[in-house]
Amino acid sequence: MIAVSVRQDGITVTGHAGYAQSGHDIVCAAVSILTQNLIKSIEDLTDEKIEYSISPGKADIKYGNLSEKSKTLVDSFFIGICMIADEFPDYVRIE
């Protein structure tokens, strides 16, 4: 199961969905691309400085006070993650 924790100062994504075998898991792929897109969008579309680390089964994003633009990007990420969790509740949990 993938656990997504959205906090005031960051986001942590841990685990593997287990929906399908590695390389064919659409749930893992969807969560991964949303997470990577959030990082890249904040870096490329705003002046925010964020810290992040990505490794197999874990992504950790840390940030301070975000601009409205960055908050909108985080909100968009959260909407996407909620849609995946609603569609695949046995594989993605929001904490």
C-alpha atoms as a PDB file:
ATOM      1  CA  MET A   1       0.000   0.000   0.000  1.00  0.00           C
ATOM      2  CA  ILE A   2       1.111   3.537  -0.743  1.00  0.00           C
ATOM      3  CA  ALA A   3       0.725   6.030   2.105  1.00  0.00           C
ATOM      4  CA  VAL A   4       0.583   9.737   1.295  1.00  0.00           C
ATOM      5  CA  SER A   5       1.042  12.227   4.110  1.00  0.00           C
ATOM      6  CA  VAL A   6       0.368  15.889   3.294  1.00  0.00           C
ATOM      7  CA  ARG A   7       1.526  18.227   6.060  1.00  0.00           C
ATOM      8  CA  GLN A   8       1.864  21.969   6.494  1.00  0.00           C
ATOM      9  CA  ASP A   9       5.602  21.751   5.803  1.00  0.00           C
ATOM     10  CA  GLY A  10       5.797  18.923   3.294  1.00  0.00           C
ATOM     11  CA  ILE A  11       4.605  15.722   1.700  1.00  0.00           C
ATOM     12  CA  THR A  12       5.798  12.157   2.207  1.00  0.00           C
ATOM     13  CA  VAL A  13       4.890   9.279  -0.085  1.00  0.00           C
ATOM     14  CA  THR A  14       5.920   5.783   1.031  1.00  0.00           C
ATOM     15  CA  GLY A  15       5.370   2.205  -0.003  1.00  0.00           C
ATOM     16  CA  HIS A  16       4.363   0.305  -3.095  1.00  0.00           C
ATOM     17  CA  ALA A  17       0.808  -0.219  -4.250  1.00  0.00           C
ATOM     18  CA  GLY A  18       1.067  -3.916  -5.000  1.00  0.00           C
ATOM     19  CA  TYR A  19      -1.670  -3.562  -7.615  1.00  0.00           C
ATOM     20  CA  ALA A  20       0.409  -5.422 -10.212  1.00  0.00           C
ATOM     21  CA  GLN A  21       3.927  -6.730 -10.597  1.00  0.00           C
ATOM     22  CA  SER A  22       6.778  -4.241 -10.701  1.00  0.00           C
ATOM     23  CA  GLY A  23       6.944  -2.449 -14.025  1.00  0.00           C
ATOM     24  CA  HIS A  24       3.245  -3.001 -14.691  1.00  0.00           C
ATOM     25  CA  ASP A  25       1.719  -1.318 -11.640  1.00  0.00           C
ATOM     26  CA  ILE A  26      -0.457   1.546 -12.905  1.00  0.00           C
ATOM     27  CA  VAL A  27      -1.243   2.746  -9.373  1.00  0.00           C
ATOM     28  CA  CYS A  28       2.449   3.120  -8.469  1.00  0.00           C
ATOM     29  CA  ALA A  29       3.092   4.798 -11.802  1.00  0.00           C
ATOM     30  CA  ALA A  30       0.264   7.291 -11.318  1.00  0.00           C
ATOM     31  CA  VAL A  31       1.351   8.271  -7.806  1.00  0.00           C
ATOM     32  CA  SER A  32       4.998   8.483  -8.878  1.00  0.00           C
ATOM     33  CA  ILE A  33       4.314  10.784 -11.804  1.00  0.00           C
ATOM     34  CA  LEU A  34       2.065  13.069  -9.746  1.00  0.00           C
ATOM     35  CA  THR A  35       4.792  13.328  -7.109  1.00  0.00           C
ATOM     36  CA  GLN A  36       7.569  13.991  -9.620  1.00  0.00           C
ATOM     37  CA  ASN A  37       5.368  16.460 -11.502  1.00  0.00           C
ATOM     38  CA  LEU A  38       4.723  18.404  -8.290  1.00  0.00           C
ATOM     39  CA  ILE A  39       8.451  18.708  -7.602  1.00  0.00           C
ATOM     40  CA  LYS A  40       9.288  19.766 -11.146  1.00  0.00           C
ATOM     41  CA  SER A  41       6.346  22.192 -11.323  1.00  0.00           C
ATOM     42  CA  ILE A  42       7.324  23.965  -8.107  1.00  0.00           C
ATOM     43  CA  GLU A  43      10.937  24.177  -9.270  1.00  0.00           C
ATOM     44  CA  ASP A  44      10.154  25.380 -12.797  1.00  0.00           C
ATOM     45  CA  LEU A  45       7.045  27.516 -12.296  1.00  0.00           C
ATOM     46  CA  THR A  46       7.810  29.268  -9.015  1.00  0.00           C
ATOM     47  CA  ASP A  47      10.711  30.845  -7.151  1.00  0.00           C
ATOM     48  CA  GLU A  48      10.243  28.455  -4.201  1.00  0.00           C
ATOM     49  CA  LYS A  49      13.150  26.566  -2.742  1.00  0.00           C
ATOM     50  CA  ILE A  50      12.155  23.068  -1.728  1.00  0.00           C
ATOM     51  CA  GLU A  51      14.114  20.094  -0.488  1.00  0.00           C
ATOM     52  CA  TYR A  52      13.287  16.614  -1.694  1.00  0.00           C
ATOM     53  CA  SER A  53      14.594  13.091  -1.889  1.00  0.00           C
ATOM     54  CA  ILE A  54      13.294  10.287  -4.056  1.00  0.00           C
ATOM     55  CA  SER A  55      14.234   6.635  -3.684  1.00  0.00           C
ATOM     56  CA  PRO A  56      12.437   3.388  -4.499  1.00  0.00           C
ATOM     57  CA  GLY A  57       9.294   3.312  -2.399  1.00  0.00           C
ATOM     58  CA  LYS A  58       9.747   6.761  -0.868  1.00  0.00           C
ATOM     59  CA  ALA A  59       9.539  10.419  -1.771  1.00  0.00           C
ATOM     60  CA  ASP A  60       9.950  13.175   0.783  1.00  0.00           C
ATOM     61  CA  ILE A  61       9.289  16.824  -0.086  1.00  0.00           C
ATOM     62  CA  LYS A  62       9.956  19.587   2.428  1.00  0.00           C
ATOM     63  CA  TYR A  63       9.034  23.235   2.053  1.00  0.00           C
ATOM     64  CA  GLY A  64       8.479  26.356   4.123  1.00  0.00           C
ATOM     65  CA  ASN A  65       5.917  29.074   3.617  1.00  0.00           C
ATOM     66  CA  LEU A  66       4.613  28.603   0.106  1.00  0.00           C
ATOM     67  CA  SER A  67       3.395  31.259  -2.275  1.00  0.00           C
ATOM     68  CA  GLU A  68      -0.196  31.089  -3.495  1.00  0.00           C
ATOM     69  CA  LYS A  69       1.062  29.686  -6.788  1.00  0.00           C
ATOM     70  CA  SER A  70       2.882  26.835  -5.043  1.00  0.00           C
ATOM     71  CA  LYS A  71      -0.089  26.182  -2.770  1.00  0.00           C
ATOM     72  CA  THR A  72      -2.219  25.788  -5.888  1.00  0.00           C
ATOM     73  CA  LEU A  73       0.258  23.238  -7.244  1.00  0.00           C
ATOM     74  CA  VAL A  74       0.164  21.301  -3.949  1.00  0.00           C
ATOM     75  CA  ASP A  75      -3.651  21.448  -3.991  1.00  0.00           C
ATOM     76  CA  SER A  76      -3.649  20.083  -7.546  1.00  0.00           C
ATOM     77  CA  PHE A  77      -1.337  17.247  -6.452  1.00  0.00           C
ATOM     78  CA  PHE A  78      -3.682  16.483  -3.565  1.00  0.00           C
ATOM     79  CA  ILE A  79      -6.731  16.403  -5.865  1.00  0.00           C
ATOM     80  CA  GLY A  80      -4.955  13.909  -8.126  1.00  0.00           C
ATOM     81  CA  ILE A  81      -3.860  11.714  -5.214  1.00  0.00           C
ATOM     82  CA  CYS A  82      -7.411  11.759  -3.788  1.00  0.00           C
ATOM     83  CA  MET A  83      -8.789  10.662  -7.155  1.00  0.00           C
ATOM     84  CA  ILE A  84      -6.378   7.722  -7.238  1.00  0.00           C
ATOM     85  CA  ALA A  85      -7.151   6.820  -3.601  1.00  0.00           C
ATOM     86  CA  ASP A  86     -10.890   6.935  -4.341  1.00  0.00           C
ATOM     87  CA  GLU A  87     -10.473   4.673  -7.366  1.00  0.00           C
ATOM     88  CA  PHE A  88      -7.996   2.288  -5.684  1.00  0.00           C
ATOM     89  CA  PRO A  89      -8.715   2.440  -1.924  1.00  0.00           C
ATOM     90  CA  ASP A  90      -6.990  -0.884  -1.237  1.00  0.00           C
ATOM     91  CA  TYR A  91      -3.731   0.446  -2.678  1.00  0.00           C
ATOM     92  CA  VAL A  92      -3.445   4.138  -1.695  1.00  0.00           C
ATOM     93  CA  ARG A  93      -4.079   5.638   1.731  1.00  0.00           C
ATOM     94  CA  ILE A  94      -4.025   9.344   2.570  1.00  0.00           C
ATOM     95  CA  GLU A  95      -2.861  10.083   6.089  1.00  0.00           C
END
